[in-house]
Each structure stands twice: as structure tokens, then as C-alpha cells.
Amino acid sequence: MGNELISIITPFKNSSKYLDECLNSIINQSYKDWELIIVDDYSTDKSFKIVKDFALIDKRIKLYRNNKKGIIGALNLGYNLSVGKYITRMDSDDVMHVDKLKDLYHNLKKKGNGFLATSAVKYFSSTRLGKGYKNYQNWINWLMINNNHFEHIYKECVIPSPNWMISRQDFDKIGGFNSNVYPEDYELVFRMYENKINIISSNKTLHYWRDYSNRTSRIDINYADNQFLDLKIHFFMKLNYNKNKELFIWGAGEKGKNLAKRLLNLKINFKWVCNNPKKIGKEIYGIKLLDVKVLNKTIDFQSIITVANKDAQIIINNYFKNRNLIPMKDYFFFC
């Protein structure tokens, strides 16, 4: 089934526990015209041998060793060695639904260039799945239903890193994996946003995302919270910041403080508002905290919201909507 080659790019490092299940889920795909470019990032366990044994049986599996170090180097090498018309990434510890490639491919073919296909996901774990991962899964799947991913891009990564497909032409247009910035998956999605790639959502669960205690995203310093915030600020300043408008931070918790500190270091002028009576009037980093009511008297402004409480976010969102302000132009949720 199918007549156009899909290149699957998969970096791996010490994934021996999970590679059998991952590779079998690829081999058993209902769409057969694929190549797996799988790159070993200096594994010290039996991972390389496991993949090598699979590659001896199925010639569509092409095994290489990373010529640099780290996931970005492995992804770049894999992509440069690939030849498929369509590109997707897969993580070596995850599992594909049997129709994943077929469904994403056909959804893309219906639309043509300028689109990316993705779908609902499901986390799974041999131990208890953490609340944060459940919430992220539910949020990602809510985005699929509403198909409004880029309205929320400053909250979190809106496209699951191992669950997208795009044409090579569009992937080259946005710069592919050619970035040294971590977290690399989130940075890539920001470039999709920057280049106005359209998202095709599917409510069907096509990817099974494994969680475990030493997963890279849990333990690698490149995926620490400060890295995410720095990335958000970089793209906000590049794509959405209007220097002709007053900028307000709304929220004085830890997220608000971290944002304020970075904006001060960048010498970006801003005002700081909150609705906590205990904080209003106090100074943090030399900036006086103002009552949010000051916004009622302000006409032309942008606001970054750092309030994490979901009920409070609904109230804040309604406040801006009632003032006919526009998300991703006038106000931005950073959490």
C-alpha cells in the first residue's frame, strides 16, 4: 500500500529495553513504503546489536552511528541520509499504531504542501503515570479536537515530537533539524509557527508515548524549565513583540519572577501586575507590582500571563475577550 517513500528518523541511546517493541511497531505498519534511518548516539548497552539484527532481516532499516554527540546531531545525520518525500520522527522507546504512517500520509496528501499532519497520543508506563503527563496528554488531545495549536504555543510544545509528518519540501523550508537550540522539538515547532505551516489534526490515537524514570526529557539538562522559558522569550521577541506597545507581565509567582528577571537582563521595558493584595505595591527586582486594575485604563498594550491556575486563566482569558483583545496579538499565556 502506498507509492511514495516516507523517511522515519529515529535517534537512540541505551534503549535496549524498548527497541523490540518500537521496531516491530514500525515493521508492522500497514503503509509499507518507508525507510527507517536509525542513528545510535553512543549507546553503552545492547541497543546497537538489537537494531543491527533487525536491519539484517529488514533492509528498510538503515543503521548508522552518530558522527557528533547528542540528539540534534543524530537527527541531522539521519535526515541528511534520508531520501523519502515525506519525513517523520520516531522515538526509540515509543510505539506506533499500525495505521500511523498510512493515516498521517493520506491526511497530508489531501491537503498538499504547507501542511503538517499529527494526531492524538496516549502515554503509557510500566509504573504509575504521573499527573503532569496525563494532563499534557489530555491537553494535546484537546488541541487536536479544537485544531488551534498555535494559539497556545507559548504554553507548551503543541506538537508531540515523535508524532508528526511533513513533506521534505516543507521541512527544508522551515530549516529541518538545522538548529543547535534545545529543547529541539519545541524549537522546531516554533519554526513551524514562524513559517505558517498549517496543522492537520486527527482525533485518532496514532502514537503511544512511553514514560519512564530515566527518559531523556526527564533527566537531561537541555529539557529543564529555564530552557523552555528562554525559547519562549526568544520567539516572542522575534515574532510577536510590539515595541510600540506597553508590555505587562500578569502574575508574580515563580514563573512571573523568572520571566521578569530575563526581560530585565534583555533590557526590555515592562510593567508588572497581579491581583494578590499581599504583593501589590511591593517591589521585586526594582519593579513595583501594580494592581491588575491598571489595565482598565490602558488602551494599547500587550500582556504575557504567567498565572498557572486553570480557573484563573479562564477568568483572565474572559477579561481580555470582553475587551475585544486578540490572543497571540494582544495577550499571550506563557503557562
C-alpha atoms as a PDB file:
ATOM      1  CA  MET A   1       0.000   0.000   0.000  1.00  0.00           C
ATOM      2  CA  GLY A   2       1.332   3.419  -0.887  1.00  0.00           C
ATOM      3  CA  ASN A   3       3.780   4.501  -3.562  1.00  0.00           C
ATOM      4  CA  GLU A   4       5.730   7.384  -2.018  1.00  0.00           C
ATOM      5  CA  LEU A   5       8.596   6.834   0.378  1.00  0.00           C
ATOM      6  CA  ILE A   6       8.301   8.017   3.979  1.00  0.00           C
ATOM      7  CA  SER A   7      11.557   8.534   5.879  1.00  0.00           C
ATOM      8  CA  ILE A   8      11.388   7.830   9.613  1.00  0.00           C
ATOM      9  CA  ILE A   9      14.220   9.483  11.551  1.00  0.00           C
ATOM     10  CA  THR A  10      14.986   7.830  14.886  1.00  0.00           C
ATOM     11  CA  PRO A  11      17.860   8.641  17.239  1.00  0.00           C
ATOM     12  CA  PHE A  12      18.516   6.144  20.019  1.00  0.00           C
ATOM     13  CA  LYS A  13      20.709   5.777  23.080  1.00  0.00           C
ATOM     14  CA  ASN A  14      20.546   2.889  25.542  1.00  0.00           C
ATOM     15  CA  SER A  15      17.020   1.893  24.504  1.00  0.00           C
ATOM     16  CA  SER A  16      17.594  -1.859  24.645  1.00  0.00           C
ATOM     17  CA  LYS A  17      14.548  -2.478  26.866  1.00  0.00           C
ATOM     18  CA  TYR A  18      12.168  -0.931  24.370  1.00  0.00           C
ATOM     19  CA  LEU A  19      13.656  -1.329  20.888  1.00  0.00           C
ATOM     20  CA  ASP A  20      11.992  -4.652  20.067  1.00  0.00           C
ATOM     21  CA  GLU A  21       8.520  -3.247  20.632  1.00  0.00           C
ATOM     22  CA  CYS A  22       9.322   0.017  18.875  1.00  0.00           C
ATOM     23  CA  LEU A  23      10.864  -1.597  15.782  1.00  0.00           C
ATOM     24  CA  ASN A  24       8.156  -4.221  15.464  1.00  0.00           C
ATOM     25  CA  SER A  25       5.519  -1.475  15.519  1.00  0.00           C
ATOM     26  CA  ILE A  26       7.298   0.120  12.543  1.00  0.00           C
ATOM     27  CA  ILE A  27       7.787  -3.134  10.629  1.00  0.00           C
ATOM     28  CA  ASN A  28       4.096  -3.966  11.078  1.00  0.00           C
ATOM     29  CA  GLN A  29       2.849  -0.683   9.633  1.00  0.00           C
ATOM     30  CA  SER A  30       0.007  -1.036   7.150  1.00  0.00           C
ATOM     31  CA  TYR A  31       1.839   1.501   4.940  1.00  0.00           C
ATOM     32  CA  LYS A  32       4.844  -0.389   3.593  1.00  0.00           C
ATOM     33  CA  ASP A  33       6.809   2.229   1.620  1.00  0.00           C
ATOM     34  CA  TRP A  34       9.086   3.545   4.343  1.00  0.00           C
ATOM     35  CA  GLU A  35      12.715   3.676   5.330  1.00  0.00           C
ATOM     36  CA  LEU A  36      13.906   3.866   8.916  1.00  0.00           C
ATOM     37  CA  ILE A  37      17.081   5.908   9.322  1.00  0.00           C
ATOM     38  CA  ILE A  38      18.058   4.991  12.865  1.00  0.00           C
ATOM     39  CA  VAL A  39      21.126   6.591  14.467  1.00  0.00           C
ATOM     40  CA  ASP A  40      22.967   5.326  17.532  1.00  0.00           C
ATOM     41  CA  ASP A  41      24.017   8.172  19.833  1.00  0.00           C
ATOM     42  CA  TYR A  42      26.864   6.387  21.652  1.00  0.00           C
ATOM     43  CA  SER A  43      24.847   3.656  23.362  1.00  0.00           C
ATOM     44  CA  THR A  44      26.636   1.627  26.039  1.00  0.00           C
ATOM     45  CA  ASP A  45      24.091  -1.196  26.288  1.00  0.00           C
ATOM     46  CA  LYS A  46      22.970  -3.780  23.704  1.00  0.00           C
ATOM     47  CA  SER A  47      20.925  -1.291  21.665  1.00  0.00           C
ATOM     48  CA  PHE A  48      23.206  -1.225  18.620  1.00  0.00           C
ATOM     49  CA  LYS A  49      23.242  -5.014  18.308  1.00  0.00           C
ATOM     50  CA  ILE A  50      19.444  -5.208  18.654  1.00  0.00           C
ATOM     51  CA  VAL A  51      18.946  -2.738  15.805  1.00  0.00           C
ATOM     52  CA  LYS A  52      21.656  -4.400  13.720  1.00  0.00           C
ATOM     53  CA  ASP A  53      19.852  -7.749  13.985  1.00  0.00           C
ATOM     54  CA  PHE A  54      16.600  -6.118  12.827  1.00  0.00           C
ATOM     55  CA  ALA A  55      18.415  -4.375   9.951  1.00  0.00           C
ATOM     56  CA  LEU A  56      19.799  -7.710   8.722  1.00  0.00           C
ATOM     57  CA  ILE A  57      16.244  -9.011   8.387  1.00  0.00           C
ATOM     58  CA  ASP A  58      14.520  -5.882   7.026  1.00  0.00           C
ATOM     59  CA  LYS A  59      16.548  -3.830   4.533  1.00  0.00           C
ATOM     60  CA  ARG A  60      14.276  -0.826   5.055  1.00  0.00           C
ATOM     61  CA  ILE A  61      16.035  -0.352   8.405  1.00  0.00           C
ATOM     62  CA  LYS A  62      19.288   1.562   7.892  1.00  0.00           C
ATOM     63  CA  LEU A  63      21.553   1.780  10.930  1.00  0.00           C
ATOM     64  CA  TYR A  64      24.220   4.431  11.495  1.00  0.00           C
ATOM     65  CA  ARG A  65      26.390   5.770  14.302  1.00  0.00           C
ATOM     66  CA  ASN A  66      26.187   9.428  15.275  1.00  0.00           C
ATOM     67  CA  ASN A  67      29.139  11.442  13.964  1.00  0.00           C
ATOM     68  CA  LYS A  68      28.563  14.112  16.601  1.00  0.00           C
ATOM     69  CA  LYS A  69      27.133  13.822  20.084  1.00  0.00           C
ATOM     70  CA  GLY A  70      23.575  14.429  21.191  1.00  0.00           C
ATOM     71  CA  ILE A  71      20.100  14.061  19.766  1.00  0.00           C
ATOM     72  CA  ILE A  72      20.339  17.067  17.428  1.00  0.00           C
ATOM     73  CA  GLY A  73      23.438  15.646  15.745  1.00  0.00           C
ATOM     74  CA  ALA A  74      21.730  12.260  15.402  1.00  0.00           C
ATOM     75  CA  LEU A  75      18.594  13.809  13.912  1.00  0.00           C
ATOM     76  CA  ASN A  76      20.620  15.860  11.430  1.00  0.00           C
ATOM     77  CA  LEU A  77      22.671  12.878  10.329  1.00  0.00           C
ATOM     78  CA  GLY A  78      19.545  10.779   9.937  1.00  0.00           C
ATOM     79  CA  TYR A  79      17.791  13.420   7.888  1.00  0.00           C
ATOM     80  CA  ASN A  80      20.791  14.036   5.634  1.00  0.00           C
ATOM     81  CA  LEU A  81      20.936  10.304   4.852  1.00  0.00           C
ATOM     82  CA  SER A  82      17.207  10.007   4.167  1.00  0.00           C
ATOM     83  CA  VAL A  83      15.625  10.134   0.707  1.00  0.00           C
ATOM     84  CA  GLY A  84      11.873   9.972   1.366  1.00  0.00           C
ATOM     85  CA  LYS A  85       9.405  12.514   0.030  1.00  0.00           C
ATOM     86  CA  TYR A  86       7.785  12.686   3.473  1.00  0.00           C
ATOM     87  CA  ILE A  87       9.519  12.997   6.819  1.00  0.00           C
ATOM     88  CA  THR A  88       8.540  11.876  10.297  1.00  0.00           C
ATOM     89  CA  ARG A  89      10.394  11.427  13.575  1.00  0.00           C
ATOM     90  CA  MET A  90      10.055   8.446  15.894  1.00  0.00           C
ATOM     91  CA  ASP A  91      11.471   7.895  19.374  1.00  0.00           C
ATOM     92  CA  SER A  92      13.149   4.563  20.052  1.00  0.00           C
ATOM     93  CA  ASP A  93      11.155   3.870  23.215  1.00  0.00           C
ATOM     94  CA  ASP A  94       7.694   4.555  21.780  1.00  0.00           C
ATOM     95  CA  VAL A  95       5.166   2.538  19.785  1.00  0.00           C
ATOM     96  CA  MET A  96       3.302   3.318  16.558  1.00  0.00           C
ATOM     97  CA  HIS A  97      -0.329   2.452  15.924  1.00  0.00           C
ATOM     98  CA  VAL A  98      -0.417   0.052  12.969  1.00  0.00           C
ATOM     99  CA  ASP A  99      -2.021   2.726  10.745  1.00  0.00           C
ATOM    100  CA  LYS A 100       0.067   5.670  11.891  1.00  0.00           C
ATOM    101  CA  LEU A 101       2.094   6.157   8.706  1.00  0.00           C
ATOM    102  CA  LYS A 102      -0.889   5.442   6.459  1.00  0.00           C
ATOM    103  CA  ASP A 103      -3.213   7.877   8.200  1.00  0.00           C
ATOM    104  CA  LEU A 104      -0.713  10.734   8.504  1.00  0.00           C
ATOM    105  CA  TYR A 105       0.370  10.266   4.886  1.00  0.00           C
ATOM    106  CA  HIS A 106      -3.175  10.264   3.499  1.00  0.00           C
ATOM    107  CA  ASN A 107      -4.120  13.298   5.575  1.00  0.00           C
ATOM    108  CA  LEU A 108      -1.161  15.162   4.088  1.00  0.00           C
ATOM    109  CA  LYS A 109      -1.907  14.047   0.539  1.00  0.00           C
ATOM    110  CA  LYS A 110      -5.400  15.510   0.776  1.00  0.00           C
ATOM    111  CA  LYS A 111      -4.008  18.967   1.531  1.00  0.00           C
ATOM    112  CA  GLY A 112      -0.739  19.276  -0.364  1.00  0.00           C
ATOM    113  CA  ASN A 113       2.182  21.472   0.631  1.00  0.00           C
ATOM    114  CA  GLY A 114       2.144  23.883   3.538  1.00  0.00           C
ATOM    115  CA  PHE A 115       0.683  21.350   5.966  1.00  0.00           C
ATOM    116  CA  LEU A 116       1.809  19.067   8.776  1.00  0.00           C
ATOM    117  CA  ALA A 117      -0.170  16.038   9.950  1.00  0.00           C
ATOM    118  CA  THR A 118      -0.395  14.960  13.576  1.00  0.00           C
ATOM    119  CA  SER A 119      -2.798  13.071  15.826  1.00  0.00           C
ATOM    120  CA  ALA A 120      -3.928  12.266  19.329  1.00  0.00           C
ATOM    121  CA  VAL A 121      -1.450  10.490  21.602  1.00  0.00           C
ATOM    122  CA  LYS A 122      -1.563   8.210  24.608  1.00  0.00           C
ATOM    123  CA  TYR A 123       1.057   7.972  27.331  1.00  0.00           C
ATOM    124  CA  PHE A 124       1.774   4.588  28.859  1.00  0.00           C
ATOM    125  CA  SER A 125       4.123   3.359  31.564  1.00  0.00           C
ATOM    126  CA  SER A 126       5.043   0.149  33.374  1.00  0.00           C
ATOM    127  CA  THR A 127       4.690   2.133  36.583  1.00  0.00           C
ATOM    128  CA  ARG A 128       2.186   4.728  37.659  1.00  0.00           C
ATOM    129  CA  LEU A 129       1.814   7.534  35.119  1.00  0.00           C
ATOM    130  CA  GLY A 130       2.428  10.958  36.640  1.00  0.00           C
ATOM    131  CA  LYS A 131      -0.328  13.564  36.792  1.00  0.00           C
ATOM    132  CA  GLY A 132       1.704  16.003  34.716  1.00  0.00           C
ATOM    133  CA  TYR A 133       1.982  13.536  31.843  1.00  0.00           C
ATOM    134  CA  LYS A 134      -1.739  12.762  31.974  1.00  0.00           C
ATOM    135  CA  ASN A 135      -2.513  16.477  31.873  1.00  0.00           C
ATOM    136  CA  TYR A 136      -0.160  17.012  28.923  1.00  0.00           C
ATOM    137  CA  GLN A 137      -1.705  14.093  27.035  1.00  0.00           C
ATOM    138  CA  ASN A 138      -5.207  15.435  27.629  1.00  0.00           C
ATOM    139  CA  TRP A 139      -4.141  18.933  26.585  1.00  0.00           C
ATOM    140  CA  ILE A 140      -2.512  17.687  23.378  1.00  0.00           C
ATOM    141  CA  ASN A 141      -5.651  15.727  22.527  1.00  0.00           C
ATOM    142  CA  TRP A 142      -7.815  18.765  23.304  1.00  0.00           C
ATOM    143  CA  LEU A 143      -5.735  20.720  20.787  1.00  0.00           C
ATOM    144  CA  MET A 144      -6.451  18.008  18.223  1.00  0.00           C
ATOM    145  CA  ILE A 145     -10.185  18.442  18.725  1.00  0.00           C
ATOM    146  CA  ASN A 146     -10.028  22.235  18.515  1.00  0.00           C
ATOM    147  CA  ASN A 147      -7.242  22.415  15.919  1.00  0.00           C
ATOM    148  CA  ASN A 148      -5.934  25.659  17.386  1.00  0.00           C
ATOM    149  CA  HIS A 149      -2.410  24.582  18.256  1.00  0.00           C
ATOM    150  CA  PHE A 150      -0.531  27.794  17.571  1.00  0.00           C
ATOM    151  CA  GLU A 151      -2.859  29.881  19.750  1.00  0.00           C
ATOM    152  CA  HIS A 152      -1.278  28.009  22.668  1.00  0.00           C
ATOM    153  CA  ILE A 153       2.318  27.662  21.549  1.00  0.00           C
ATOM    154  CA  TYR A 154       3.742  29.778  24.383  1.00  0.00           C
ATOM    155  CA  LYS A 155       2.218  27.455  26.980  1.00  0.00           C
ATOM    156  CA  GLU A 156       3.928  24.228  25.961  1.00  0.00           C
ATOM    157  CA  CYS A 157       5.096  22.321  22.893  1.00  0.00           C
ATOM    158  CA  VAL A 158       1.877  21.873  20.911  1.00  0.00           C
ATOM    159  CA  ILE A 159       3.047  19.104  18.554  1.00  0.00           C
ATOM    160  CA  PRO A 160       4.316  15.835  20.086  1.00  0.00           C
ATOM    161  CA  SER A 161       7.945  15.422  18.971  1.00  0.00           C
ATOM    162  CA  PRO A 162       7.591  11.825  17.653  1.00  0.00           C
ATOM    163  CA  ASN A 163       4.135  12.277  16.134  1.00  0.00           C
ATOM    164  CA  TRP A 164       4.146  14.443  13.028  1.00  0.00           C
ATOM    165  CA  MET A 165       4.656  14.075   9.289  1.00  0.00           C
ATOM    166  CA  ILE A 166       5.586  16.739   6.770  1.00  0.00           C
ATOM    167  CA  SER A 167       6.764  16.866   3.160  1.00  0.00           C
ATOM    168  CA  ARG A 168      10.500  17.127   2.610  1.00  0.00           C
ATOM    169  CA  GLN A 169       9.896  20.345   0.674  1.00  0.00           C
ATOM    170  CA  ASP A 170       8.173  21.973   3.662  1.00  0.00           C
ATOM    171  CA  PHE A 171      10.660  20.525   6.135  1.00  0.00           C
ATOM    172  CA  ASP A 172      13.535  22.073   4.187  1.00  0.00           C
ATOM    173  CA  LYS A 173      11.640  25.345   4.035  1.00  0.00           C
ATOM    174  CA  ILE A 174      11.492  25.620   7.825  1.00  0.00           C
ATOM    175  CA  GLY A 175      15.127  24.616   8.262  1.00  0.00           C
ATOM    176  CA  GLY A 176      14.737  20.947   9.170  1.00  0.00           C
ATOM    177  CA  PHE A 177      16.778  19.854  12.162  1.00  0.00           C
ATOM    178  CA  ASN A 178      19.404  22.530  11.471  1.00  0.00           C
ATOM    179  CA  SER A 179      19.405  24.166  14.882  1.00  0.00           C
ATOM    180  CA  ASN A 180      21.603  23.705  17.918  1.00  0.00           C
ATOM    181  CA  VAL A 181      18.926  25.006  20.291  1.00  0.00           C
ATOM    182  CA  TYR A 182      17.332  22.784  22.926  1.00  0.00           C
ATOM    183  CA  PRO A 183      14.666  21.642  23.574  1.00  0.00           C
ATOM    184  CA  GLU A 184      14.939  20.743  19.908  1.00  0.00           C
ATOM    185  CA  ASP A 185      11.363  19.517  19.493  1.00  0.00           C
ATOM    186  CA  TYR A 186       9.830  22.736  20.844  1.00  0.00           C
ATOM    187  CA  GLU A 187      12.223  24.905  18.837  1.00  0.00           C
ATOM    188  CA  LEU A 188      11.205  23.044  15.675  1.00  0.00           C
ATOM    189  CA  VAL A 189       7.523  23.656  16.386  1.00  0.00           C
ATOM    190  CA  PHE A 190       8.210  27.374  16.852  1.00  0.00           C
ATOM    191  CA  ARG A 191       9.749  27.400  13.381  1.00  0.00           C
ATOM    192  CA  MET A 192       6.628  25.687  12.046  1.00  0.00           C
ATOM    193  CA  TYR A 193       4.635  28.524  13.604  1.00  0.00           C
ATOM    194  CA  GLU A 194       7.027  31.132  12.221  1.00  0.00           C
ATOM    195  CA  ASN A 195       6.688  29.717   8.708  1.00  0.00           C
ATOM    196  CA  LYS A 196       2.892  29.470   8.940  1.00  0.00           C
ATOM    197  CA  ILE A 197       2.688  25.717   8.483  1.00  0.00           C
ATOM    198  CA  ASN A 198      -0.929  24.568   8.784  1.00  0.00           C
ATOM    199  CA  ILE A 199      -1.788  21.726  11.152  1.00  0.00           C
ATOM    200  CA  ILE A 200      -3.950  18.763  10.151  1.00  0.00           C
ATOM    201  CA  SER A 201      -5.303  17.187  13.322  1.00  0.00           C
ATOM    202  CA  SER A 202      -6.641  13.693  13.823  1.00  0.00           C
ATOM    203  CA  ASN A 203      -8.552  12.606  16.925  1.00  0.00           C
ATOM    204  CA  LYS A 204      -7.430   9.038  16.327  1.00  0.00           C
ATOM    205  CA  THR A 205      -4.657   7.903  18.695  1.00  0.00           C
ATOM    206  CA  LEU A 206      -1.774   7.029  16.391  1.00  0.00           C
ATOM    207  CA  HIS A 207       1.163   7.274  18.773  1.00  0.00           C
ATOM    208  CA  TYR A 208       1.862   5.631  22.113  1.00  0.00           C
ATOM    209  CA  TRP A 209       4.300   7.633  24.192  1.00  0.00           C
ATOM    210  CA  ARG A 210       6.257   5.720  26.821  1.00  0.00           C
ATOM    211  CA  ASP A 211       7.112   7.329  30.145  1.00  0.00           C
ATOM    212  CA  TYR A 212       9.773   6.003  32.494  1.00  0.00           C
ATOM    213  CA  SER A 213      12.076   7.404  35.160  1.00  0.00           C
ATOM    214  CA  ASN A 214      15.189   7.918  33.036  1.00  0.00           C
ATOM    215  CA  ARG A 215      13.543   9.150  29.852  1.00  0.00           C
ATOM    216  CA  THR A 216      15.728  11.854  28.278  1.00  0.00           C
ATOM    217  CA  SER A 217      13.141  14.599  28.723  1.00  0.00           C
ATOM    218  CA  ARG A 218      13.109  13.881  32.455  1.00  0.00           C
ATOM    219  CA  ILE A 219      16.841  13.845  33.194  1.00  0.00           C
ATOM    220  CA  ASP A 220      18.686  15.830  30.501  1.00  0.00           C
ATOM    221  CA  ILE A 221      19.553  19.425  31.483  1.00  0.00           C
ATOM    222  CA  ASN A 222      18.639  20.525  27.936  1.00  0.00           C
ATOM    223  CA  TYR A 223      14.988  19.967  28.860  1.00  0.00           C
ATOM    224  CA  ALA A 224      14.985  21.958  32.096  1.00  0.00           C
ATOM    225  CA  ASP A 225      12.278  24.585  32.663  1.00  0.00           C
ATOM    226  CA  ASN A 226      14.644  27.503  32.103  1.00  0.00           C
ATOM    227  CA  GLN A 227      15.447  26.210  28.614  1.00  0.00           C
ATOM    228  CA  PHE A 228      11.755  26.257  27.720  1.00  0.00           C
ATOM    229  CA  LEU A 229      11.305  29.800  29.037  1.00  0.00           C
ATOM    230  CA  ASP A 230      14.347  31.113  27.164  1.00  0.00           C
ATOM    231  CA  LEU A 231      12.959  29.601  23.969  1.00  0.00           C
ATOM    232  CA  LYS A 232       9.553  31.197  24.510  1.00  0.00           C
ATOM    233  CA  ILE A 233      11.081  34.608  25.125  1.00  0.00           C
ATOM    234  CA  HIS A 234      13.310  34.332  22.057  1.00  0.00           C
ATOM    235  CA  PHE A 235      10.420  33.623  19.710  1.00  0.00           C
ATOM    236  CA  PHE A 236       8.083  36.081  21.408  1.00  0.00           C
ATOM    237  CA  MET A 237      10.597  38.875  20.874  1.00  0.00           C
ATOM    238  CA  LYS A 238      11.169  37.752  17.299  1.00  0.00           C
ATOM    239  CA  LEU A 239       7.602  37.068  16.179  1.00  0.00           C
ATOM    240  CA  ASN A 240       5.049  38.748  18.428  1.00  0.00           C
ATOM    241  CA  TYR A 241       6.559  41.554  20.490  1.00  0.00           C
ATOM    242  CA  ASN A 242       5.404  45.040  19.507  1.00  0.00           C
ATOM    243  CA  LYS A 243       7.888  47.582  20.812  1.00  0.00           C
ATOM    244  CA  ASN A 244       5.391  50.366  20.192  1.00  0.00           C
ATOM    245  CA  LYS A 245       3.045  48.971  22.851  1.00  0.00           C
ATOM    246  CA  GLU A 246       3.399  48.814  26.611  1.00  0.00           C
ATOM    247  CA  LEU A 247       4.269  45.342  27.816  1.00  0.00           C
ATOM    248  CA  PHE A 248       2.737  43.933  31.000  1.00  0.00           C
ATOM    249  CA  ILE A 249       3.561  40.764  32.904  1.00  0.00           C
ATOM    250  CA  TRP A 250       0.464  39.415  34.656  1.00  0.00           C
ATOM    251  CA  GLY A 251       1.395  37.215  37.613  1.00  0.00           C
ATOM    252  CA  ALA A 252       4.069  37.410  40.324  1.00  0.00           C
ATOM    253  CA  GLY A 253       4.622  33.747  41.172  1.00  0.00           C
ATOM    254  CA  GLU A 254       7.813  31.876  40.340  1.00  0.00           C
ATOM    255  CA  LYS A 255       7.030  31.838  36.607  1.00  0.00           C
ATOM    256  CA  GLY A 256       6.391  35.577  36.613  1.00  0.00           C
ATOM    257  CA  LYS A 257       9.608  36.235  38.517  1.00  0.00           C
ATOM    258  CA  ASN A 258      11.655  34.119  36.142  1.00  0.00           C
ATOM    259  CA  LEU A 259      10.183  35.923  33.155  1.00  0.00           C
ATOM    260  CA  ALA A 260      10.723  39.352  34.734  1.00  0.00           C
ATOM    261  CA  LYS A 261      14.355  38.554  35.507  1.00  0.00           C
ATOM    262  CA  ARG A 262      15.052  37.548  31.915  1.00  0.00           C
ATOM    263  CA  LEU A 263      13.296  40.581  30.429  1.00  0.00           C
ATOM    264  CA  LEU A 264      15.340  42.843  32.697  1.00  0.00           C
ATOM    265  CA  ASN A 265      18.528  41.134  31.524  1.00  0.00           C
ATOM    266  CA  LEU A 266      17.421  41.784  27.936  1.00  0.00           C
ATOM    267  CA  LYS A 267      16.698  45.426  28.855  1.00  0.00           C
ATOM    268  CA  ILE A 268      13.058  45.082  27.799  1.00  0.00           C
ATOM    269  CA  ASN A 269      10.794  47.612  29.475  1.00  0.00           C
ATOM    270  CA  PHE A 270       7.655  46.246  31.104  1.00  0.00           C
ATOM    271  CA  LYS A 271       5.124  46.843  33.841  1.00  0.00           C
ATOM    272  CA  TRP A 272       4.128  44.140  36.288  1.00  0.00           C
ATOM    273  CA  VAL A 273       0.589  43.483  37.521  1.00  0.00           C
ATOM    274  CA  CYS A 274      -1.009  40.974  39.857  1.00  0.00           C
ATOM    275  CA  ASN A 275      -4.225  40.538  41.838  1.00  0.00           C
ATOM    276  CA  ASN A 276      -2.636  39.350  45.084  1.00  0.00           C
ATOM    277  CA  PRO A 277      -3.288  42.075  47.736  1.00  0.00           C
ATOM    278  CA  LYS A 278      -0.210  40.923  49.673  1.00  0.00           C
ATOM    279  CA  LYS A 279       2.062  41.654  46.710  1.00  0.00           C
ATOM    280  CA  ILE A 280       0.501  44.770  45.208  1.00  0.00           C
ATOM    281  CA  GLY A 281       2.685  47.799  45.948  1.00  0.00           C
ATOM    282  CA  LYS A 282       5.798  45.761  46.701  1.00  0.00           C
ATOM    283  CA  GLU A 283       8.938  45.785  44.586  1.00  0.00           C
ATOM    284  CA  ILE A 284      10.615  42.751  43.048  1.00  0.00           C
ATOM    285  CA  TYR A 285      13.876  43.287  41.161  1.00  0.00           C
ATOM    286  CA  GLY A 286      13.222  47.009  41.479  1.00  0.00           C
ATOM    287  CA  ILE A 287       9.860  46.785  39.676  1.00  0.00           C
ATOM    288  CA  LYS A 288       6.746  47.856  41.586  1.00  0.00           C
ATOM    289  CA  LEU A 289       3.851  45.408  41.430  1.00  0.00           C
ATOM    290  CA  LEU A 290       0.658  47.119  40.284  1.00  0.00           C
ATOM    291  CA  ASP A 291      -2.974  46.151  40.698  1.00  0.00           C
ATOM    292  CA  VAL A 292      -4.343  44.489  37.555  1.00  0.00           C
ATOM    293  CA  LYS A 293      -6.989  47.225  37.502  1.00  0.00           C
ATOM    294  CA  VAL A 294      -4.365  49.470  35.925  1.00  0.00           C
ATOM    295  CA  LEU A 295      -5.048  47.587  32.689  1.00  0.00           C
ATOM    296  CA  ASN A 296      -8.579  49.015  32.643  1.00  0.00           C
ATOM    297  CA  LYS A 297      -7.057  52.428  31.999  1.00  0.00           C
ATOM    298  CA  THR A 298      -4.550  51.161  29.435  1.00  0.00           C
ATOM    299  CA  ILE A 299      -5.566  51.002  25.795  1.00  0.00           C
ATOM    300  CA  ASP A 300      -2.658  49.935  23.629  1.00  0.00           C
ATOM    301  CA  PHE A 301      -0.682  47.157  25.307  1.00  0.00           C
ATOM    302  CA  GLN A 302       0.498  43.555  25.214  1.00  0.00           C
ATOM    303  CA  SER A 303       0.345  41.203  28.170  1.00  0.00           C
ATOM    304  CA  ILE A 304       2.177  37.985  28.990  1.00  0.00           C
ATOM    305  CA  ILE A 305       0.239  35.885  31.504  1.00  0.00           C
ATOM    306  CA  THR A 306       2.252  33.700  33.885  1.00  0.00           C
ATOM    307  CA  VAL A 307      -0.636  32.621  36.120  1.00  0.00           C
ATOM    308  CA  ALA A 308      -0.719  28.817  36.123  1.00  0.00           C
ATOM    309  CA  ASN A 309      -4.042  28.212  37.882  1.00  0.00           C
ATOM    310  CA  LYS A 310      -6.512  26.962  35.251  1.00  0.00           C
ATOM    311  CA  ASP A 311      -9.587  28.608  36.791  1.00  0.00           C
ATOM    312  CA  ALA A 312      -7.730  31.910  36.998  1.00  0.00           C
ATOM    313  CA  GLN A 313      -6.661  31.525  33.366  1.00  0.00           C
ATOM    314  CA  ILE A 314     -10.296  31.229  32.289  1.00  0.00           C
ATOM    315  CA  ILE A 315     -11.143  34.439  34.149  1.00  0.00           C
ATOM    316  CA  ILE A 316      -8.131  36.227  32.635  1.00  0.00           C
ATOM    317  CA  ASN A 317      -8.976  34.997  29.139  1.00  0.00           C
ATOM    318  CA  ASN A 318     -12.564  36.209  29.515  1.00  0.00           C
ATOM    319  CA  TYR A 319     -11.285  39.585  30.696  1.00  0.00           C
ATOM    320  CA  PHE A 320      -9.306  40.086  27.505  1.00  0.00           C
ATOM    321  CA  LYS A 321     -12.094  38.760  25.292  1.00  0.00           C
ATOM    322  CA  ASN A 322     -14.578  41.150  26.873  1.00  0.00           C
ATOM    323  CA  ARG A 323     -12.233  43.957  25.920  1.00  0.00           C
ATOM    324  CA  ASN A 324     -12.146  42.638  22.332  1.00  0.00           C
ATOM    325  CA  LEU A 325      -8.433  41.907  22.597  1.00  0.00           C
ATOM    326  CA  ILE A 326      -6.909  39.245  20.395  1.00  0.00           C
ATOM    327  CA  PRO A 327      -4.956  36.190  21.577  1.00  0.00           C
ATOM    328  CA  MET A 328      -1.449  35.874  20.113  1.00  0.00           C
ATOM    329  CA  LYS A 329      -1.535  39.563  19.249  1.00  0.00           C
ATOM    330  CA  ASP A 330      -2.523  41.379  22.436  1.00  0.00           C
ATOM    331  CA  TYR A 331      -2.129  38.699  25.088  1.00  0.00           C
ATOM    332  CA  PHE A 332      -0.102  35.504  25.484  1.00  0.00           C
ATOM    333  CA  PHE A 333      -0.315  32.684  28.001  1.00  0.00           C
ATOM    334  CA  PHE A 334       3.166  31.500  28.980  1.00  0.00           C
ATOM    335  CA  CYS A 335       1.900  28.623  31.152  1.00  0.00           C
END
